[in-house]
């Protein structure tokens, strides 16, 4: 299907019922190769905890890769519900499913998948295989709903929805390497058409050291309800993030809900600085959590701050299990837990 305007679309919130999530499994022909043995257990853990609650669609690069993954899952320390594991076969450049995966909207009460274009955050890396994954999955009949191809470049990590037509985003959408020639008004018009958005909350402040996405919102601030936003806070004046995150907090304080009330802002701690072997600070963040059916998966990094983040999220989601996932290996490729996943609302997966 080709792109077309829609008049009755809604971008669901992540906390709405899901059919499953998508993972694009790392492999030796990607940038993960040097730390593949360290990063695969993170994906196994994601499968174990998610498969107990919903389906997991795993993109393997070929049948041999699929068999390798299956062996990892069947021998995992934490039991994986293999009955909830679904495989798709597609070549991939990398594993950031949040940004190359299809985005689901609800149109006339039914889910529709939108295949926006992906160019690796403005051409920073190779992306030709990643940009074809959704088409390959549709051809393998893994979706139970239509998949529409959209010419606009858009990454799932750059947008946050409250489920009722409000979008939280930031200036990464306006970089000239993504959609050259489109200004802010034109971007808003496109997102109103494709996602049904009627209210835009734009942030201009906030960025994590080591981030290569131009400050994706899912590393900084997240809706946890229609009236609550959890965000990364920094209270250490000597930290390089202090000023930009203080300015972001000020911007968040100025936002208003649909009924013109200030949001309940919930600060998440900033993880202590983590560096790679080259001395580069890595973009560790607790805001990169994933909401699934009956649970929230929280990235942790082996720090004292982990417990504070767990306690904070438990208060945000009192009826859900808060499950810690060690994501220290992930941030060595400059992303975290939410970045490697894409959720699908109820009814999407075949």
Protein backbone atom coordinates (compact mmCIF):
# COMPACT_ATOMS: atom_id res chain seq x y z
CA UNK A 1 0.00 0.00 0.00
CA UNK A 2 1.18 3.54 -0.64
CA UNK A 3 0.83 6.50 1.66
CA UNK A 4 -2.50 8.26 1.94
CA UNK A 5 -4.02 10.79 4.31
CA UNK A 6 -6.19 9.66 7.19
CA UNK A 7 -8.87 11.49 9.15
CA UNK A 8 -9.41 9.12 12.09
CA UNK A 9 -6.04 8.00 13.35
CA UNK A 10 -4.61 7.76 16.84
CA UNK A 11 -1.08 6.94 17.98
CA UNK A 12 -1.62 4.62 20.97
CA UNK A 13 0.25 4.98 24.22
CA UNK A 14 2.81 2.29 25.04
CA UNK A 15 0.85 1.16 28.13
CA UNK A 16 -2.13 0.01 26.03
CA UNK A 17 -2.63 -3.78 25.52
CA UNK A 18 -0.01 -5.34 23.25
CA UNK A 19 0.23 -8.35 20.96
CA UNK A 20 4.02 -8.41 21.20
CA UNK A 21 7.35 -6.72 20.62
CA UNK A 22 9.93 -6.88 17.84
CA UNK A 23 13.66 -7.54 18.26
CA UNK A 24 16.22 -7.45 15.46
CA UNK A 25 18.81 -9.89 16.78
CA UNK A 26 22.47 -8.79 16.72
CA UNK A 27 24.91 -10.80 14.60
CA UNK A 28 28.57 -11.07 13.69
CA UNK A 29 28.13 -9.07 10.46
CA UNK A 30 27.23 -5.91 12.34
CA UNK A 31 28.93 -3.47 14.70
CA UNK A 32 28.04 -5.82 17.55
CA UNK A 33 30.65 -8.35 16.47
CA UNK A 34 33.35 -7.40 19.05
CA UNK A 35 30.94 -7.70 22.00
CA UNK A 36 28.41 -10.18 20.59
CA UNK A 37 28.96 -12.66 23.44
CA UNK A 38 28.15 -9.91 25.93
CA UNK A 39 25.14 -8.43 24.19
CA UNK A 40 23.22 -11.60 23.26
CA UNK A 41 22.35 -12.36 26.92
CA UNK A 42 20.56 -9.00 27.04
CA UNK A 43 18.34 -10.07 24.14
CA UNK A 44 17.77 -13.48 25.74
CA UNK A 45 16.67 -11.77 28.94
CA UNK A 46 14.29 -9.54 26.99
CA UNK A 47 12.79 -12.62 25.37
CA UNK A 48 12.44 -14.49 28.66
CA UNK A 49 10.53 -11.76 30.48
CA UNK A 50 8.47 -10.61 27.51
CA UNK A 51 7.48 -14.05 26.20
CA UNK A 52 5.82 -14.80 29.54
CA UNK A 53 3.40 -11.96 28.79
CA UNK A 54 3.13 -11.57 25.00
CA UNK A 55 4.70 -12.56 21.71
CA UNK A 56 8.23 -11.72 20.64
CA UNK A 57 8.89 -11.29 16.91
CA UNK A 58 12.60 -11.92 16.34
CA UNK A 59 14.24 -10.83 13.09
CA UNK A 60 17.06 -13.24 12.22
CA UNK A 61 19.37 -12.60 9.28
CA UNK A 62 19.01 -16.16 7.89
CA UNK A 63 17.94 -19.68 8.87
CA UNK A 64 21.29 -20.51 10.45
CA UNK A 65 21.03 -17.40 12.57
CA UNK A 66 17.51 -18.43 13.56
CA UNK A 67 18.75 -21.82 14.74
CA UNK A 68 21.51 -20.17 16.75
CA UNK A 69 19.00 -17.85 18.43
CA UNK A 70 16.63 -20.72 19.15
CA UNK A 71 19.43 -22.64 20.86
CA UNK A 72 20.21 -19.60 23.02
CA UNK A 73 16.56 -19.31 24.01
CA UNK A 74 15.99 -22.97 24.81
CA UNK A 75 19.04 -23.07 27.09
CA UNK A 76 18.39 -19.76 28.84
CA UNK A 77 18.63 -19.60 32.63
CA UNK A 78 15.30 -17.75 32.82
CA UNK A 79 12.63 -19.77 31.04
CA UNK A 80 11.54 -18.52 27.63
CA UNK A 81 8.00 -19.35 26.46
CA UNK A 82 9.00 -20.69 23.04
CA UNK A 83 5.34 -20.81 22.05
CA UNK A 84 5.34 -17.00 22.09
CA UNK A 85 8.48 -16.68 19.94
CA UNK A 86 7.93 -15.85 16.26
CA UNK A 87 10.77 -15.64 13.74
CA UNK A 88 11.09 -13.48 10.67
CA UNK A 89 14.01 -13.66 8.23
CA UNK A 90 15.59 -10.45 6.95
CA UNK A 91 19.05 -9.02 6.46
CA UNK A 92 19.91 -6.27 8.92
CA UNK A 93 22.60 -3.66 9.43
CA UNK A 94 21.97 -3.23 13.13
CA UNK A 95 19.52 -3.97 15.95
CA UNK A 96 17.70 -0.71 16.69
CA UNK A 97 14.15 -1.95 16.12
CA UNK A 98 12.68 1.15 17.78
CA UNK A 99 13.84 3.19 14.82
CA UNK A 100 13.52 0.83 11.85
CA UNK A 101 10.44 -1.04 13.07
CA UNK A 102 6.95 -0.17 11.87
CA UNK A 103 4.90 2.29 13.94
CA UNK A 104 1.32 1.31 14.75
CA UNK A 105 -1.63 3.69 14.59
CA UNK A 106 -5.28 2.96 15.31
CA UNK A 107 -7.50 3.84 12.38
CA UNK A 108 -11.27 3.47 12.76
CA UNK A 109 -10.63 1.24 15.81
CA UNK A 110 -8.28 -1.10 13.94
CA UNK A 111 -4.45 -1.16 13.98
CA UNK A 112 -2.50 -0.16 10.88
CA UNK A 113 1.29 -0.37 10.53
CA UNK A 114 3.19 2.56 9.07
CA UNK A 115 6.54 1.86 7.44
CA UNK A 116 8.33 5.21 7.64
CA UNK A 117 11.73 5.52 6.04
CA UNK A 118 14.89 5.00 8.10
CA UNK A 119 18.24 6.57 7.21
CA UNK A 120 20.27 5.80 10.35
CA UNK A 121 19.74 9.13 12.11
CA UNK A 122 20.68 11.27 9.15
CA UNK A 123 23.06 8.94 7.33
CA UNK A 124 25.46 8.30 10.23
CA UNK A 125 25.71 4.55 9.50
CA UNK A 126 24.70 1.97 6.89
CA UNK A 127 20.96 1.44 6.79
CA UNK A 128 19.93 -0.15 3.46
CA UNK A 129 19.00 -3.55 4.98
CA UNK A 130 17.31 -2.09 8.05
CA UNK A 131 15.08 0.03 5.85
CA UNK A 132 13.72 -3.09 4.12
CA UNK A 133 12.94 -5.21 7.20
CA UNK A 134 9.26 -4.26 7.52
CA UNK A 135 8.55 -5.10 3.89
CA UNK A 136 10.22 -8.49 4.34
CA UNK A 137 8.12 -9.24 7.43
CA UNK A 138 4.94 -8.30 5.58
CA UNK A 139 5.89 -10.61 2.70
CA UNK A 140 6.32 -13.42 5.24
CA UNK A 141 2.75 -12.74 6.46
CA UNK A 142 3.83 -12.02 10.03
CA UNK A 143 1.45 -9.07 10.39
CA UNK A 144 -2.30 -9.45 10.72
CA UNK A 145 -2.91 -5.84 9.64
CA UNK A 146 -2.03 -3.64 6.64
CA UNK A 147 1.44 -2.11 6.26
CA UNK A 148 1.53 1.30 4.57
CA UNK A 149 4.72 2.73 3.10
CA UNK A 150 5.40 6.35 4.07
CA UNK A 151 8.07 8.50 2.40
CA UNK A 152 8.75 10.59 5.52
CA UNK A 153 11.85 9.71 7.57
CA UNK A 154 10.77 9.04 11.15
CA UNK A 155 12.21 6.99 14.01
CA UNK A 156 10.12 5.55 16.81
CA UNK A 157 12.58 6.76 19.44
CA UNK A 158 11.92 10.36 18.45
CA UNK A 159 8.23 10.40 19.42
CA UNK A 160 6.26 9.85 22.63
CA UNK A 161 2.45 9.55 22.66
CA UNK A 162 -0.03 9.93 25.52
CA UNK A 163 -2.56 7.92 23.50
CA UNK A 164 -4.94 10.87 23.16
CA UNK A 165 -3.45 12.86 20.27
CA UNK A 166 -0.56 14.59 22.11
CA UNK A 167 3.03 14.11 20.96
CA UNK A 168 6.16 14.78 22.99
CA UNK A 169 9.25 15.23 20.84
CA UNK A 170 12.29 17.42 20.33
CA UNK A 171 14.47 19.08 17.74
CA UNK A 172 15.91 15.81 16.36
CA UNK A 173 12.92 15.73 13.98
CA UNK A 174 14.11 18.96 12.39
CA UNK A 175 17.67 17.99 11.46
CA UNK A 176 18.33 18.68 7.79
CA UNK A 177 19.83 15.23 7.26
CA UNK A 178 16.49 13.54 7.91
CA UNK A 179 13.83 15.38 5.92
CA UNK A 180 15.63 18.17 4.05
CA UNK A 181 13.31 20.91 2.87
CA UNK A 182 10.66 20.32 5.54
CA UNK A 183 10.30 22.93 8.27
CA UNK A 184 8.63 22.55 11.67
CA UNK A 185 5.18 23.44 10.37
CA UNK A 186 5.45 20.88 7.56
CA UNK A 187 6.69 18.17 9.95
CA UNK A 188 3.73 18.86 12.23
CA UNK A 189 1.35 18.69 9.29
CA UNK A 190 2.77 15.32 8.20
CA UNK A 191 2.59 13.85 11.71
CA UNK A 192 -0.96 15.13 12.11
CA UNK A 193 -1.88 13.34 8.90
CA UNK A 194 -0.12 10.06 9.52
CA UNK A 195 -0.35 9.76 13.32
CA UNK A 196 -3.47 11.78 14.11
CA UNK A 197 -1.59 14.22 16.34
CA UNK A 198 -3.40 17.43 17.31
CA UNK A 199 -1.12 18.74 20.10
CA UNK A 200 2.69 19.00 19.89
CA UNK A 201 5.06 19.39 22.83
CA UNK A 202 8.46 20.39 21.42
CA UNK A 203 11.58 20.33 23.60
CA UNK A 204 14.70 22.21 22.54
CA UNK A 205 16.91 21.27 25.51
CA UNK A 206 18.38 18.03 26.81
CA UNK A 207 20.96 15.69 25.31
CA UNK A 208 23.04 12.82 26.65
CA UNK A 209 26.77 12.60 26.06
CA UNK A 210 27.53 9.84 23.57
CA UNK A 211 24.07 9.92 22.02
CA UNK A 212 24.15 9.70 18.23
CA UNK A 213 20.42 10.12 17.55
CA UNK A 214 20.40 13.92 17.95
CA UNK A 215 18.61 13.57 21.32
CA UNK A 216 15.80 11.04 20.91
CA UNK A 217 13.00 11.78 23.33
CA UNK A 218 12.92 8.17 24.61
CA UNK A 219 16.33 8.73 26.22
CA UNK A 220 15.16 11.86 28.05
CA UNK A 221 11.43 12.10 28.86
CA UNK A 222 8.54 9.63 28.67
CA UNK A 223 4.81 9.70 29.19
CA UNK A 224 3.85 7.30 31.99
CA UNK A 225 0.21 8.38 31.92
CA UNK A 226 -1.83 11.06 30.21
CA UNK A 227 -0.91 13.47 32.99
CA UNK A 228 2.55 12.28 34.07
CA UNK A 229 5.99 12.55 32.47
CA UNK A 230 9.05 10.75 33.82
CA UNK A 231 12.27 12.49 32.85
CA UNK A 232 16.03 12.34 33.41
CA UNK A 233 17.15 14.79 36.07
CA UNK A 234 20.64 15.90 37.02
CA UNK A 235 21.35 17.65 40.32
CA UNK A 236 25.15 17.48 40.22
CA UNK A 237 26.44 20.87 39.14
CA UNK A 238 29.82 19.48 38.04
CA UNK A 239 28.21 17.01 35.62
CA UNK A 240 28.21 18.07 31.98
CA UNK A 241 24.49 17.26 31.79
CA UNK A 242 23.53 19.63 34.61
CA UNK A 243 22.66 22.73 32.59
CA UNK A 244 20.96 21.07 29.58
CA UNK A 245 18.84 18.81 31.78
CA UNK A 246 17.92 21.67 34.10
CA UNK A 247 16.79 23.65 31.05
CA UNK A 248 14.82 20.62 29.81
CA UNK A 249 13.13 20.35 33.21
CA UNK A 250 12.12 24.00 32.90
CA UNK A 251 10.60 23.31 29.48
CA UNK A 252 8.69 20.30 30.81
CA UNK A 253 7.34 22.43 33.66
CA UNK A 254 5.83 24.83 31.13
CA UNK A 255 3.90 22.12 29.26
CA UNK A 256 0.19 21.65 29.86
CA UNK A 257 -2.15 18.68 29.55
CA UNK A 258 -5.17 18.68 27.25
CA UNK A 259 -7.24 20.16 30.11
CA UNK A 260 -4.63 22.93 30.63
CA UNK A 261 -3.06 21.54 33.80
CA UNK A 262 0.68 21.19 34.44
CA UNK A 263 2.03 17.66 34.10
CA UNK A 264 3.04 15.69 37.15
CA UNK A 265 6.79 15.53 36.55
CA UNK A 266 8.63 12.50 37.94
CA UNK A 267 12.44 12.78 38.04
CA UNK A 268 14.54 9.74 37.24
CA UNK A 269 18.17 9.69 38.41
CA UNK A 270 20.96 10.13 35.90
CA UNK A 271 23.25 7.07 35.96
CA UNK A 272 26.80 7.72 37.08
CA UNK A 273 29.15 8.30 34.16
CA UNK A 274 30.13 5.18 32.19
CA UNK A 275 32.95 5.31 29.63
CA UNK A 276 34.11 2.99 26.87
CA UNK A 277 37.71 1.95 26.28
CA UNK A 278 38.26 5.04 24.13
CA UNK A 279 37.29 7.29 27.04
CA UNK A 280 33.96 8.31 25.50
CA UNK A 281 31.05 8.78 27.89
CA UNK A 282 28.17 6.45 27.01
CA UNK A 283 24.49 7.49 26.94
CA UNK A 284 23.21 5.52 29.94
CA UNK A 285 19.64 6.45 30.89
CA UNK A 286 16.78 5.03 32.93
CA UNK A 287 14.23 6.78 30.70
CA UNK A 288 14.77 4.10 28.06
CA UNK A 289 12.37 1.64 29.72
CA UNK A 290 9.87 -0.55 27.85
CA UNK A 291 6.24 -0.98 28.89
CA UNK A 292 4.76 -4.42 28.09
CA UNK A 293 1.64 -6.26 29.25
CA UNK A 294 1.60 -6.26 33.07
CA UNK A 295 5.25 -5.20 33.40
CA UNK A 296 7.85 -2.53 32.73
CA UNK A 297 11.37 -3.55 31.72
CA UNK A 298 13.93 -1.10 33.09
CA UNK A 299 17.52 -0.80 31.85
CA UNK A 300 20.03 -0.94 34.71
CA UNK A 301 23.80 -0.54 34.75
CA UNK A 302 25.10 -2.10 37.97
CA UNK A 303 24.95 1.09 40.03
CA UNK A 304 23.38 2.27 43.27
CA UNK A 305 21.14 4.53 41.16
CA UNK A 306 19.48 1.40 39.75
CA UNK A 307 17.47 0.92 42.94
CA UNK A 308 16.22 4.49 42.96
CA UNK A 309 15.10 4.15 39.34
CA UNK A 310 13.30 0.87 40.14
CA UNK A 311 11.51 2.44 43.10
CA UNK A 312 10.51 5.49 41.06
CA UNK A 313 9.05 3.46 38.21
CA UNK A 314 7.20 1.18 40.63
CA UNK A 315 5.38 4.26 41.93
CA UNK A 316 4.54 5.24 38.34
CA UNK A 317 3.22 1.76 37.54
CA UNK A 318 1.93 0.32 40.85
CA UNK A 319 0.00 -2.53 39.17
CA UNK A 320 2.88 -3.72 36.98
CA UNK A 321 6.01 -5.71 37.72
CA UNK A 322 9.17 -3.61 37.33
CA UNK A 323 11.89 -5.88 35.95
CA UNK A 324 15.55 -4.87 35.81
CA UNK A 325 17.48 -5.77 32.65
CA UNK A 326 21.26 -5.36 32.64
CA UNK A 327 21.83 -3.08 29.64
CA UNK A 328 25.47 -2.20 30.20
CA UNK A 329 26.48 -4.02 26.96
CA UNK A 330 23.85 -2.15 24.92
CA UNK A 331 25.11 1.34 25.69
CA UNK A 332 28.49 0.45 24.20
CA UNK A 333 26.68 0.86 20.87
CA UNK A 334 25.06 4.09 22.13
CA UNK A 335 21.52 2.86 22.81
CA UNK A 336 19.59 1.01 25.49
CA UNK A 337 16.56 -1.20 26.11
CA UNK A 338 13.75 0.81 24.52
CA UNK A 339 15.97 1.46 21.51
CA UNK A 340 16.29 -2.26 20.61
CA UNK A 341 12.56 -2.97 20.89
CA UNK A 342 9.35 -1.99 19.13
CA UNK A 343 6.00 -2.78 20.68
CA UNK A 344 2.95 -3.81 18.68
CA UNK A 345 -0.51 -3.08 20.08
CA UNK A 346 -3.16 -5.79 20.36
CA UNK A 347 -4.16 -7.31 17.03
CA UNK A 348 -0.99 -6.54 15.04
CA UNK A 349 0.92 -9.84 15.01
CA UNK A 350 -0.49 -12.75 13.04
